[in-house]
């Protein structure tokens, strides 16, 4: 789209990237058209339409028709995200300001779901007149903020934005054309281009002014157009507040009529029998199956000896009836309280499919830092899990029977990632558990297996081709190698062991121990 020549009095170019923003673009442009303290010929708006398939362009032109003094120009974006579209607009703005001989003119930017204050441009010009070469401001949450959980706005103010606490962002930022050229322009990035620009300015020694008088109100929506940014941040913070339960939040004992329990002990199924009996006696489960590393070889049929922690849980699922299952470490104290805490969210909220347990840092679990970092990079909606490789959890059978189980200690990470990708993060909760786990774990093997399970689900490698996993450990004393179970058991429905009934027939070895029962299945 060709642009007319800039007005000789041009001092500010406002860049607005937009993709399918028909609902918000009118309010955005009305606010820009009503700016006080600046003459109409001194600023213009460059609206970058980025592969819009709705009526954004038509709504924008209608808004401009209501304000004949608004200088609105439409540009075409590359259709690769807000960052790329903003760059198109800012490059054009820089050229136009230099064309009229104003290297000190401002390239300003806001978003199509943002409403700027009536003196937004005038306040930026005042800051520039005082020597500022880059300008942020105050960014408040507007439409939709009342729908957010109570603590989200406070979280955003205190922790939710890196750098300058989000006060220099796409919703409100400006810099002189000269400063823009000095940093080499806006980087071609699909998202978080504002944070990258901030770093470039700091590296070049260009300070960013944050005048309180520069104010905007931006949408508090949690479903954004960009893969990263404010909407994603708000969605994650909202999920964390809604779906994180404290150990004392169990809302009474959930009904045990259709609940089964699988209890694992590294010392063997016999050791887990006492914990199973405890749950049955308390009425928290109707069926309970103790499992261990020496578990059944033929449940389901034809899978040979138990390969690890996840394999034992998978076989326990096959042997245990119930529409809801809770998986516990039988060697940790307080099985009754932990079962109650994990089952309560599922009993209270029908939309939840999985509740993952976590403990306070230092409570004995291997540090989940590596897996959490991986999720931050490739599955950011799941970045809020305290322990992304839970060893204790409760879930609906309908979900568990559709998911593969990593055979080793990475089973928690595999189930969590699959559940998030299959059901959405809102279907998964996390529950704080008291005390330390009882079963000992090798931190390196656990981290290795959890990373492998997550990476396999993100498209990196094939568990069958890479099994058994080879873990090399280097130390000043030399190099050691150990094998880690990274192969996976297929979804139980496909393996023929669904609905809590072991597959018929035997392939040799011991029979599966029958589940403890408080009565016959209904």
Protein backbone atom coordinates (compact mmCIF):
# COMPACT_ATOMS: atom_id res chain seq x y z
CA UNK A 1 0.00 0.00 0.00
CA UNK A 2 1.57 3.28 -1.11
CA UNK A 3 1.54 6.18 1.35
CA UNK A 4 1.06 9.86 0.58
CA UNK A 5 3.92 12.20 1.29
CA UNK A 6 4.21 13.13 4.98
CA UNK A 7 2.97 16.52 6.09
CA UNK A 8 5.88 18.97 6.58
CA UNK A 9 4.78 19.57 10.18
CA UNK A 10 4.91 15.84 11.06
CA UNK A 11 6.46 15.22 14.51
CA UNK A 12 5.03 11.83 15.56
CA UNK A 13 4.19 8.63 13.68
CA UNK A 14 2.03 6.23 15.69
CA UNK A 15 2.40 2.58 14.61
CA UNK A 16 -0.44 0.14 15.35
CA UNK A 17 -0.08 -3.52 14.24
CA UNK A 18 -3.39 -5.37 13.93
CA UNK A 19 -4.50 -8.88 13.12
CA UNK A 20 -8.22 -9.57 13.30
CA UNK A 21 -8.93 -6.74 15.73
CA UNK A 22 -12.32 -5.65 14.44
CA UNK A 23 -13.74 -5.47 17.98
CA UNK A 24 -11.07 -3.18 19.39
CA UNK A 25 -9.66 -1.10 16.56
CA UNK A 26 -12.50 1.45 16.68
CA UNK A 27 -11.85 2.40 20.31
CA UNK A 28 -8.10 2.49 19.65
CA UNK A 29 -8.44 4.92 16.74
CA UNK A 30 -11.10 7.07 18.41
CA UNK A 31 -8.66 7.67 21.29
CA UNK A 32 -5.86 8.54 18.89
CA UNK A 33 -8.12 10.89 16.95
CA UNK A 34 -9.02 12.86 20.09
CA UNK A 35 -5.51 13.73 21.24
CA UNK A 36 -5.11 17.01 23.09
CA UNK A 37 -2.13 19.33 23.03
CA UNK A 38 -0.98 18.40 19.54
CA UNK A 39 -2.16 19.68 16.15
CA UNK A 40 -3.67 17.14 13.70
CA UNK A 41 -0.95 17.79 11.11
CA UNK A 42 1.77 17.00 13.66
CA UNK A 43 0.98 13.29 13.94
CA UNK A 44 -0.32 10.41 11.88
CA UNK A 45 -1.33 6.80 12.46
CA UNK A 46 0.19 3.91 10.50
CA UNK A 47 -2.13 0.92 10.88
CA UNK A 48 -0.37 -2.27 9.78
CA UNK A 49 -2.95 -4.87 8.71
CA UNK A 50 -1.27 -8.21 9.31
CA UNK A 51 -3.11 -10.87 7.30
CA UNK A 52 -6.50 -9.84 8.69
CA UNK A 53 -9.43 -12.03 7.71
CA UNK A 54 -12.10 -10.02 9.51
CA UNK A 55 -13.43 -6.47 9.22
CA UNK A 56 -10.49 -4.70 10.88
CA UNK A 57 -9.78 -2.57 7.81
CA UNK A 58 -13.43 -1.62 7.34
CA UNK A 59 -13.85 -0.69 11.03
CA UNK A 60 -10.67 1.36 10.88
CA UNK A 61 -11.81 3.30 7.83
CA UNK A 62 -15.21 3.88 9.44
CA UNK A 63 -13.51 5.30 12.54
CA UNK A 64 -11.37 7.57 10.38
CA UNK A 65 -14.47 8.80 8.58
CA UNK A 66 -15.88 9.92 11.93
CA UNK A 67 -12.72 11.95 12.54
CA UNK A 68 -11.76 13.67 9.28
CA UNK A 69 -8.76 15.33 10.94
CA UNK A 70 -7.20 11.95 11.77
CA UNK A 71 -4.38 11.13 9.37
CA UNK A 72 -4.75 7.34 9.05
CA UNK A 73 -2.63 5.32 6.62
CA UNK A 74 -2.97 1.59 6.03
CA UNK A 75 0.02 -0.70 5.46
CA UNK A 76 0.16 -4.40 4.72
CA UNK A 77 2.02 -6.62 7.17
CA UNK A 78 3.86 -9.85 6.27
CA UNK A 79 1.42 -12.06 8.20
CA UNK A 80 4.11 -13.41 10.51
CA UNK A 81 3.08 -11.96 13.87
CA UNK A 82 2.78 -8.66 15.70
CA UNK A 83 6.54 -8.12 15.93
CA UNK A 84 7.06 -8.36 12.19
CA UNK A 85 4.05 -6.13 11.54
CA UNK A 86 5.24 -3.53 14.05
CA UNK A 87 8.63 -3.51 12.35
CA UNK A 88 6.99 -2.74 8.99
CA UNK A 89 5.26 0.25 10.56
CA UNK A 90 8.28 1.51 12.49
CA UNK A 91 10.56 1.30 9.45
CA UNK A 92 8.04 3.33 7.46
CA UNK A 93 7.69 5.81 10.32
CA UNK A 94 11.45 6.33 10.52
CA UNK A 95 11.69 7.01 6.81
CA UNK A 96 8.83 9.51 6.93
CA UNK A 97 10.25 11.46 9.86
CA UNK A 98 13.69 11.64 8.26
CA UNK A 99 12.08 12.71 4.99
CA UNK A 100 10.71 15.85 6.67
CA UNK A 101 14.03 16.45 8.38
CA UNK A 102 13.09 15.44 11.94
CA UNK A 103 15.52 12.85 13.34
CA UNK A 104 14.25 13.92 16.76
CA UNK A 105 10.65 13.12 15.78
CA UNK A 106 8.98 10.28 17.62
CA UNK A 107 8.20 6.80 16.38
CA UNK A 108 5.42 5.84 18.79
CA UNK A 109 3.64 2.53 19.00
CA UNK A 110 0.59 1.07 20.67
CA UNK A 111 -1.59 -1.99 20.15
CA UNK A 112 -4.96 -2.38 18.47
CA UNK A 113 -6.57 -3.55 21.74
CA UNK A 114 -5.24 -0.54 23.66
CA UNK A 115 -6.83 2.85 24.38
CA UNK A 116 -4.34 5.66 24.93
CA UNK A 117 -4.98 8.61 27.24
CA UNK A 118 -6.18 11.87 25.70
CA UNK A 119 -2.77 13.50 26.17
CA UNK A 120 -0.67 10.45 25.37
CA UNK A 121 1.11 12.01 22.38
CA UNK A 122 1.49 15.41 24.08
CA UNK A 123 3.04 13.74 27.14
CA UNK A 124 5.52 11.88 24.94
CA UNK A 125 6.46 15.10 23.13
CA UNK A 126 6.97 16.82 26.48
CA UNK A 127 9.33 14.05 27.57
CA UNK A 128 11.24 14.30 24.28
CA UNK A 129 11.51 18.08 24.71
CA UNK A 130 13.13 17.37 28.08
CA UNK A 131 15.82 15.26 26.43
CA UNK A 132 14.28 11.76 26.42
CA UNK A 133 15.21 9.65 23.41
CA UNK A 134 13.11 6.62 24.39
CA UNK A 135 9.87 6.79 26.35
CA UNK A 136 7.71 4.24 28.14
CA UNK A 137 4.84 5.01 30.46
CA UNK A 138 2.14 3.56 32.65
CA UNK A 139 0.23 0.60 31.21
CA UNK A 140 -2.96 -0.32 33.04
CA UNK A 141 -5.27 -3.25 32.48
CA UNK A 142 -8.56 -2.25 30.93
CA UNK A 143 -11.36 -4.28 29.40
CA UNK A 144 -11.59 -7.78 30.84
CA UNK A 145 -9.56 -7.06 33.98
CA UNK A 146 -12.63 -7.69 36.15
CA UNK A 147 -12.72 -11.28 34.90
CA UNK A 148 -9.21 -12.05 36.12
CA UNK A 149 -8.59 -13.78 39.45
CA UNK A 150 -8.07 -11.30 42.27
CA UNK A 151 -4.32 -11.62 42.57
CA UNK A 152 -3.37 -11.45 38.89
CA UNK A 153 -3.24 -7.65 38.58
CA UNK A 154 -1.10 -7.48 41.72
CA UNK A 155 1.18 -10.22 40.37
CA UNK A 156 1.63 -8.35 37.11
CA UNK A 157 2.56 -5.15 38.92
CA UNK A 158 5.07 -6.91 41.16
CA UNK A 159 6.49 -9.74 39.05
CA UNK A 160 4.68 -10.08 35.77
CA UNK A 161 6.94 -8.13 33.44
CA UNK A 162 10.71 -8.32 33.02
CA UNK A 163 13.00 -5.35 32.54
CA UNK A 164 11.19 -2.11 33.26
CA UNK A 165 8.15 -3.97 34.67
CA UNK A 166 6.39 -3.82 31.34
CA UNK A 167 6.33 -0.02 31.17
CA UNK A 168 8.14 0.01 27.84
CA UNK A 169 6.12 -2.36 25.68
CA UNK A 170 4.18 -2.59 22.47
CA UNK A 171 1.15 -1.09 24.20
CA UNK A 172 3.07 2.14 24.84
CA UNK A 173 6.55 2.95 23.64
CA UNK A 174 8.26 5.69 21.67
CA UNK A 175 11.75 6.57 20.54
CA UNK A 176 13.26 9.16 18.27
CA UNK A 177 13.99 8.29 14.65
CA UNK A 178 17.66 8.92 15.39
CA UNK A 179 17.63 6.47 18.33
CA UNK A 180 15.79 3.94 16.19
CA UNK A 181 18.52 4.10 13.57
CA UNK A 182 21.24 3.94 16.21
CA UNK A 183 20.03 0.59 17.56
CA UNK A 184 19.56 -0.82 14.08
CA UNK A 185 15.78 -0.78 14.09
CA UNK A 186 13.26 -3.22 15.49
CA UNK A 187 14.36 -6.82 15.23
CA UNK A 188 12.26 -9.07 12.96
CA UNK A 189 10.62 -11.17 15.69
CA UNK A 190 7.12 -12.64 15.86
CA UNK A 191 6.70 -11.68 19.53
CA UNK A 192 8.50 -10.00 22.45
CA UNK A 193 9.98 -7.53 19.99
CA UNK A 194 9.45 -4.75 22.54
CA UNK A 195 11.61 -6.50 25.15
CA UNK A 196 14.32 -7.01 22.56
CA UNK A 197 14.20 -3.33 21.60
CA UNK A 198 14.50 -2.39 25.28
CA UNK A 199 17.68 -4.47 25.59
CA UNK A 200 19.15 -2.85 22.47
CA UNK A 201 18.49 0.62 23.86
CA UNK A 202 20.12 -0.24 27.17
CA UNK A 203 23.13 -1.75 25.40
CA UNK A 204 23.61 1.45 23.40
CA UNK A 205 23.40 3.59 26.51
CA UNK A 206 20.03 5.12 25.61
CA UNK A 207 18.02 5.53 28.80
CA UNK A 208 14.27 4.99 28.76
CA UNK A 209 12.14 7.65 30.42
CA UNK A 210 9.02 6.46 32.26
CA UNK A 211 6.87 9.55 32.82
CA UNK A 212 3.70 8.92 34.82
CA UNK A 213 1.80 11.21 32.46
CA UNK A 214 2.16 8.78 29.55
CA UNK A 215 -0.77 6.42 30.18
CA UNK A 216 -2.70 3.74 28.31
CA UNK A 217 -5.27 1.09 29.13
CA UNK A 218 -4.78 -2.23 27.38
CA UNK A 219 -6.99 -5.28 27.06
CA UNK A 220 -6.74 -7.87 29.82
CA UNK A 221 -7.69 -10.70 27.47
CA UNK A 222 -5.95 -14.00 28.06
CA UNK A 223 -6.23 -15.27 24.48
CA UNK A 224 -3.80 -13.21 22.45
CA UNK A 225 -2.76 -13.19 18.82
CA UNK A 226 0.97 -13.59 19.60
CA UNK A 227 2.57 -16.76 20.99
CA UNK A 228 4.17 -14.67 23.76
CA UNK A 229 3.32 -11.42 25.47
CA UNK A 230 0.86 -9.92 27.93
CA UNK A 231 -2.10 -12.16 27.05
CA UNK A 232 -0.01 -15.28 27.59
CA UNK A 233 1.37 -13.87 30.86
CA UNK A 234 -2.13 -13.13 32.15
CA UNK A 235 -3.39 -16.55 31.08
CA UNK A 236 -0.56 -18.31 32.92
CA UNK A 237 -0.97 -16.20 36.08
CA UNK A 238 -4.74 -16.78 36.01
CA UNK A 239 -4.27 -20.52 35.61
CA UNK A 240 -1.80 -20.60 38.50
CA UNK A 241 -4.19 -18.81 40.83
CA UNK A 242 -7.25 -20.87 39.85
CA UNK A 243 -5.63 -24.28 39.54
CA UNK A 244 -3.07 -24.35 42.37
CA UNK A 245 -4.39 -25.86 45.60
CA UNK A 246 -2.85 -25.76 49.05
CA UNK A 247 -2.52 -28.88 51.16
CA UNK A 248 -5.31 -27.70 53.46
CA UNK A 249 -7.81 -26.87 50.70
CA UNK A 250 -9.36 -30.34 50.50
CA UNK A 251 -13.09 -29.69 50.56
CA UNK A 252 -14.07 -32.78 52.53
CA UNK A 253 -13.45 -36.38 51.61
CA UNK A 254 -14.32 -37.09 47.97
CA UNK A 255 -16.69 -39.98 47.42
CA UNK A 256 -14.80 -43.26 47.15
CA UNK A 257 -17.55 -45.21 45.37
CA UNK A 258 -15.81 -45.02 41.98
CA UNK A 259 -12.25 -44.27 43.07
CA UNK A 260 -9.26 -46.57 42.80
CA UNK A 261 -5.76 -46.16 44.18
CA UNK A 262 -2.38 -47.36 42.90
CA UNK A 263 0.35 -47.30 45.58
CA UNK A 264 3.98 -47.71 44.60
CA UNK A 265 6.83 -48.83 46.80
CA UNK A 266 10.42 -49.21 45.65
CA UNK A 267 10.68 -52.07 48.17
CA UNK A 268 7.91 -54.05 46.51
CA UNK A 269 4.16 -54.41 46.36
CA UNK A 270 3.98 -56.15 49.74
CA UNK A 271 5.38 -53.05 51.43
CA UNK A 272 2.62 -50.91 49.85
CA UNK A 273 -0.20 -53.09 51.17
CA UNK A 274 -0.47 -51.19 54.47
CA UNK A 275 -0.95 -47.86 52.69
CA UNK A 276 -3.56 -49.47 50.44
CA UNK A 277 -5.45 -50.73 53.46
CA UNK A 278 -5.29 -47.26 55.01
CA UNK A 279 -7.07 -45.69 52.03
CA UNK A 280 -9.72 -48.40 51.94
CA UNK A 281 -10.41 -48.06 55.66
CA UNK A 282 -10.75 -44.27 55.33
CA UNK A 283 -13.23 -44.63 52.48
CA UNK A 284 -11.03 -42.63 50.09
CA UNK A 285 -10.90 -45.49 47.59
CA UNK A 286 -13.00 -48.53 46.87
CA UNK A 287 -10.16 -50.42 45.25
CA UNK A 288 -6.44 -50.18 45.97
CA UNK A 289 -3.58 -51.95 44.20
CA UNK A 290 -0.06 -52.06 45.66
CA UNK A 291 2.70 -52.18 43.03
CA UNK A 292 6.50 -52.21 43.00
CA UNK A 293 9.52 -52.83 40.78
CA UNK A 294 8.97 -56.59 41.12
CA UNK A 295 5.41 -56.27 39.82
CA UNK A 296 3.48 -58.61 37.52
CA UNK A 297 5.03 -59.63 34.22
CA UNK A 298 1.79 -60.21 32.35
CA UNK A 299 -0.48 -57.27 33.19
CA UNK A 300 -1.36 -56.39 30.49
CA UNK A 301 -0.38 -59.53 28.62
CA UNK A 302 2.88 -59.80 26.74
CA UNK A 303 4.91 -56.87 28.09
CA UNK A 304 7.43 -58.83 30.12
CA UNK A 305 9.10 -57.71 33.35
CA UNK A 306 8.44 -54.31 34.88
CA UNK A 307 10.93 -51.80 33.44
CA UNK A 308 10.57 -49.01 35.95
CA UNK A 309 8.40 -46.67 37.98
CA UNK A 310 6.13 -45.61 35.12
CA UNK A 311 5.69 -49.18 33.93
CA UNK A 312 4.59 -50.21 37.42
CA UNK A 313 2.01 -47.41 37.52
CA UNK A 314 0.72 -48.40 34.07
CA UNK A 315 0.22 -51.98 35.21
CA UNK A 316 -1.42 -50.73 38.38
CA UNK A 317 -3.87 -48.75 36.27
CA UNK A 318 -4.68 -51.93 34.31
CA UNK A 319 -5.32 -53.87 37.52
CA UNK A 320 -7.39 -51.25 39.37
CA UNK A 321 -11.07 -50.44 38.69
CA UNK A 322 -12.49 -46.99 39.23
CA UNK A 323 -13.45 -43.94 37.20
CA UNK A 324 -10.95 -41.82 39.13
CA UNK A 325 -7.46 -43.05 40.09
CA UNK A 326 -4.97 -41.70 42.60
CA UNK A 327 -1.29 -42.70 42.39
CA UNK A 328 0.73 -42.42 45.59
CA UNK A 329 4.20 -43.10 46.97
CA UNK A 330 3.43 -45.80 49.53
CA UNK A 331 6.63 -45.15 51.48
CA UNK A 332 5.79 -41.55 52.34
CA UNK A 333 3.88 -40.88 55.54
CA UNK A 334 0.29 -39.63 55.43
CA UNK A 335 -1.13 -41.48 52.43
CA UNK A 336 -4.66 -40.66 53.58
CA UNK A 337 -4.07 -36.90 53.66
CA UNK A 338 -2.26 -36.85 50.31
CA UNK A 339 -4.97 -38.90 48.63
CA UNK A 340 -7.63 -36.55 49.98
CA UNK A 341 -5.70 -33.48 48.76
CA UNK A 342 -5.21 -34.89 45.24
CA UNK A 343 -8.73 -36.20 44.80
CA UNK A 344 -10.58 -33.15 46.13
CA UNK A 345 -10.05 -30.86 43.09
CA UNK A 346 -11.35 -33.59 40.76
CA UNK A 347 -14.36 -34.16 43.00
CA UNK A 348 -15.12 -30.43 43.15
CA UNK A 349 -14.57 -29.56 39.46
CA UNK A 350 -15.88 -31.83 36.74
CA UNK A 351 -13.75 -30.10 34.11
CA UNK A 352 -10.47 -31.16 35.69
CA UNK A 353 -8.84 -34.28 34.28
CA UNK A 354 -5.53 -34.42 36.15
CA UNK A 355 -4.30 -33.13 39.54
CA UNK A 356 -0.51 -33.20 40.00
CA UNK A 357 1.16 -33.18 43.41
CA UNK A 358 4.13 -31.00 44.29
CA UNK A 359 6.18 -30.39 47.39
CA UNK A 360 8.07 -27.39 48.65
CA UNK A 361 11.61 -27.00 47.24
CA UNK A 362 14.10 -29.02 49.21
CA UNK A 363 11.50 -31.57 50.30
CA UNK A 364 13.38 -34.44 48.70
CA UNK A 365 12.29 -34.41 45.04
CA UNK A 366 14.95 -33.95 42.34
CA UNK A 367 14.97 -30.33 41.21
CA UNK A 368 12.55 -29.92 38.26
CA UNK A 369 14.44 -26.91 36.90
CA UNK A 370 15.47 -28.51 33.61
CA UNK A 371 11.97 -29.73 32.70
CA UNK A 372 10.39 -26.42 33.72
CA UNK A 373 12.89 -24.55 31.54
CA UNK A 374 11.98 -26.82 28.63
CA UNK A 375 8.29 -26.09 29.09
CA UNK A 376 8.99 -22.35 29.25
CA UNK A 377 10.65 -22.62 25.86
CA UNK A 378 8.30 -24.96 24.01
CA UNK A 379 5.04 -25.25 25.97
CA UNK A 380 4.78 -21.92 27.81
CA UNK A 381 1.18 -22.46 28.89
CA UNK A 382 2.54 -25.26 31.13
CA UNK A 383 5.32 -23.15 32.67
CA UNK A 384 3.39 -22.70 35.91
CA UNK A 385 3.85 -26.22 37.25
CA UNK A 386 5.97 -26.29 40.39
CA UNK A 387 6.93 -29.91 39.74
CA UNK A 388 6.50 -30.75 36.04
CA UNK A 389 7.46 -34.39 36.72
CA UNK A 390 5.04 -35.30 39.50
CA UNK A 391 5.43 -38.66 41.20
CA UNK A 392 1.97 -38.48 42.82
CA UNK A 393 -1.22 -37.49 41.04
CA UNK A 394 -4.92 -38.20 40.55
CA UNK A 395 -6.68 -38.42 37.20
CA UNK A 396 -9.77 -39.56 35.35
CA UNK A 397 -9.51 -43.06 33.93
CA UNK A 398 -10.97 -41.84 30.64
CA UNK A 399 -7.85 -39.70 30.20
CA UNK A 400 -5.25 -42.14 31.53
CA UNK A 401 -6.33 -45.00 29.29
CA UNK A 402 -5.79 -42.81 26.22
CA UNK A 403 -2.21 -41.79 27.12
CA UNK A 404 1.10 -43.64 26.74
CA UNK A 405 3.09 -44.12 29.96
CA UNK A 406 6.88 -43.59 29.97
CA UNK A 407 8.26 -46.72 31.59
CA UNK A 408 10.82 -45.00 33.81
CA UNK A 409 10.89 -42.09 36.27
CA UNK A 410 9.81 -39.60 33.58
CA UNK A 411 6.21 -40.81 33.65
CA UNK A 412 4.92 -37.70 35.41
CA UNK A 413 6.36 -35.35 32.81
CA UNK A 414 5.00 -37.46 29.97
CA UNK A 415 1.47 -37.59 31.37
CA UNK A 416 1.47 -33.88 32.22
CA UNK A 417 2.60 -32.77 28.75
CA UNK A 418 0.15 -35.11 27.03
CA UNK A 419 -2.72 -33.97 29.25
CA UNK A 420 -2.00 -30.29 28.58
CA UNK A 421 -1.75 -30.79 24.85
CA UNK A 422 -4.80 -33.06 24.67
CA UNK A 423 -7.19 -31.41 27.16
CA UNK A 424 -5.74 -27.90 27.59
CA UNK A 425 -3.97 -26.53 30.65
CA UNK A 426 -7.24 -25.55 32.33
CA UNK A 427 -8.04 -29.27 32.69
CA UNK A 428 -4.94 -29.79 34.85
CA UNK A 429 -4.44 -28.63 38.44
CA UNK A 430 -1.57 -28.86 40.91
CA UNK A 431 -1.78 -29.58 44.62
CA UNK A 432 0.74 -28.80 47.36
CA UNK A 433 1.54 -31.93 49.39
CA UNK A 434 3.05 -31.96 52.84
CA UNK A 435 6.16 -33.86 53.82
CA UNK A 436 8.94 -35.56 51.90
CA UNK A 437 8.51 -38.48 49.50
CA UNK A 438 9.47 -41.88 50.80
CA UNK A 439 10.88 -43.62 47.70
CA UNK A 440 14.45 -42.63 46.93
CA UNK A 441 15.21 -41.35 43.44
CA UNK A 442 18.40 -40.89 41.50
CA UNK A 443 18.30 -37.15 40.59
CA UNK A 444 20.23 -37.53 37.34
CA UNK A 445 18.25 -40.52 36.11
CA UNK A 446 14.98 -38.82 37.00
CA UNK A 447 15.91 -35.59 35.23
CA UNK A 448 17.16 -37.53 32.20
CA UNK A 449 13.96 -39.56 31.92
CA UNK A 450 11.70 -36.55 32.47
CA UNK A 451 13.50 -34.51 29.81
CA UNK A 452 13.33 -37.44 27.41
CA UNK A 453 9.57 -37.87 27.97
CA UNK A 454 8.92 -34.16 27.43
CA UNK A 455 11.18 -33.93 24.38
CA UNK A 456 9.64 -36.97 22.72
CA UNK A 457 6.26 -35.25 22.96
CA UNK A 458 7.67 -32.05 21.52
CA UNK A 459 8.93 -33.86 18.44
CA UNK A 460 12.58 -34.52 19.38
CA UNK A 461 13.44 -38.19 19.00
CA UNK A 462 11.64 -41.51 19.17
CA UNK A 463 11.53 -43.42 22.48
CA UNK A 464 11.72 -46.78 20.71
CA UNK A 465 14.83 -45.84 18.74
CA UNK A 466 16.59 -44.27 21.75
CA UNK A 467 15.79 -47.03 24.23
CA UNK A 468 17.48 -47.90 26.48
CA UNK A 469 18.56 -44.37 27.29
CA UNK A 470 22.28 -44.04 27.89
CA UNK A 471 23.17 -41.65 30.71
CA UNK A 472 26.86 -40.76 30.94
CA UNK A 473 28.07 -39.24 34.20
CA UNK A 474 31.35 -37.41 34.18
CA UNK A 475 33.29 -36.71 37.36
CA UNK A 476 36.93 -36.04 38.28
CA UNK A 477 37.22 -39.79 38.93
CA UNK A 478 36.18 -40.71 35.41
CA UNK A 479 33.18 -41.53 33.21
CA UNK A 480 30.33 -43.82 34.19
CA UNK A 481 27.41 -45.00 32.10
CA UNK A 482 24.01 -46.27 33.13
CA UNK A 483 20.87 -47.26 31.30
CA UNK A 484 17.63 -45.37 31.95
CA UNK A 485 14.18 -46.59 30.93
CA UNK A 486 12.87 -44.16 28.32
CA UNK A 487 10.69 -46.55 26.31
CA UNK A 488 6.94 -46.16 26.63
CA UNK A 489 3.97 -48.37 27.25
CA UNK A 490 1.11 -47.82 24.79
CA UNK A 491 -2.24 -46.33 25.79
CA UNK A 492 -3.99 -48.95 27.89
CA UNK A 493 -7.01 -49.15 25.60
CA UNK A 494 -4.73 -50.10 22.73
CA UNK A 495 -2.86 -52.64 24.90
CA UNK A 496 -6.04 -54.51 25.78
CA UNK A 497 -5.98 -53.82 29.51
CA UNK A 498 -8.53 -51.05 29.87
CA UNK A 499 -11.29 -50.49 32.43
CA UNK A 500 -9.23 -51.85 35.33
CA UNK A 501 -9.43 -55.46 34.16
CA UNK A 502 -6.14 -57.28 33.47
CA UNK A 503 -5.84 -58.81 30.02
CA UNK A 504 -6.87 -62.44 29.78
CA UNK A 505 -4.25 -65.16 29.52
CA UNK A 506 -0.69 -65.45 30.76
CA UNK A 507 2.72 -65.33 29.14
CA UNK A 508 4.58 -66.83 32.09
CA UNK A 509 5.80 -65.39 35.37
CA UNK A 510 3.70 -64.32 38.36
CA UNK A 511 0.06 -63.34 38.17
CA UNK A 512 -0.91 -59.76 38.87
CA UNK A 513 -1.80 -59.34 42.55
CA UNK A 514 -5.54 -58.72 42.80
CA UNK A 515 -6.53 -55.25 43.91
CA UNK A 516 -7.60 -54.83 47.50
CA UNK A 517 -11.32 -54.12 47.47
CA UNK A 518 -13.90 -52.64 49.79
CA UNK A 519 -16.57 -54.49 47.86
CA UNK A 520 -17.38 -55.84 44.45
CA UNK A 521 -17.38 -53.48 41.49
CA UNK A 522 -20.82 -52.02 40.86
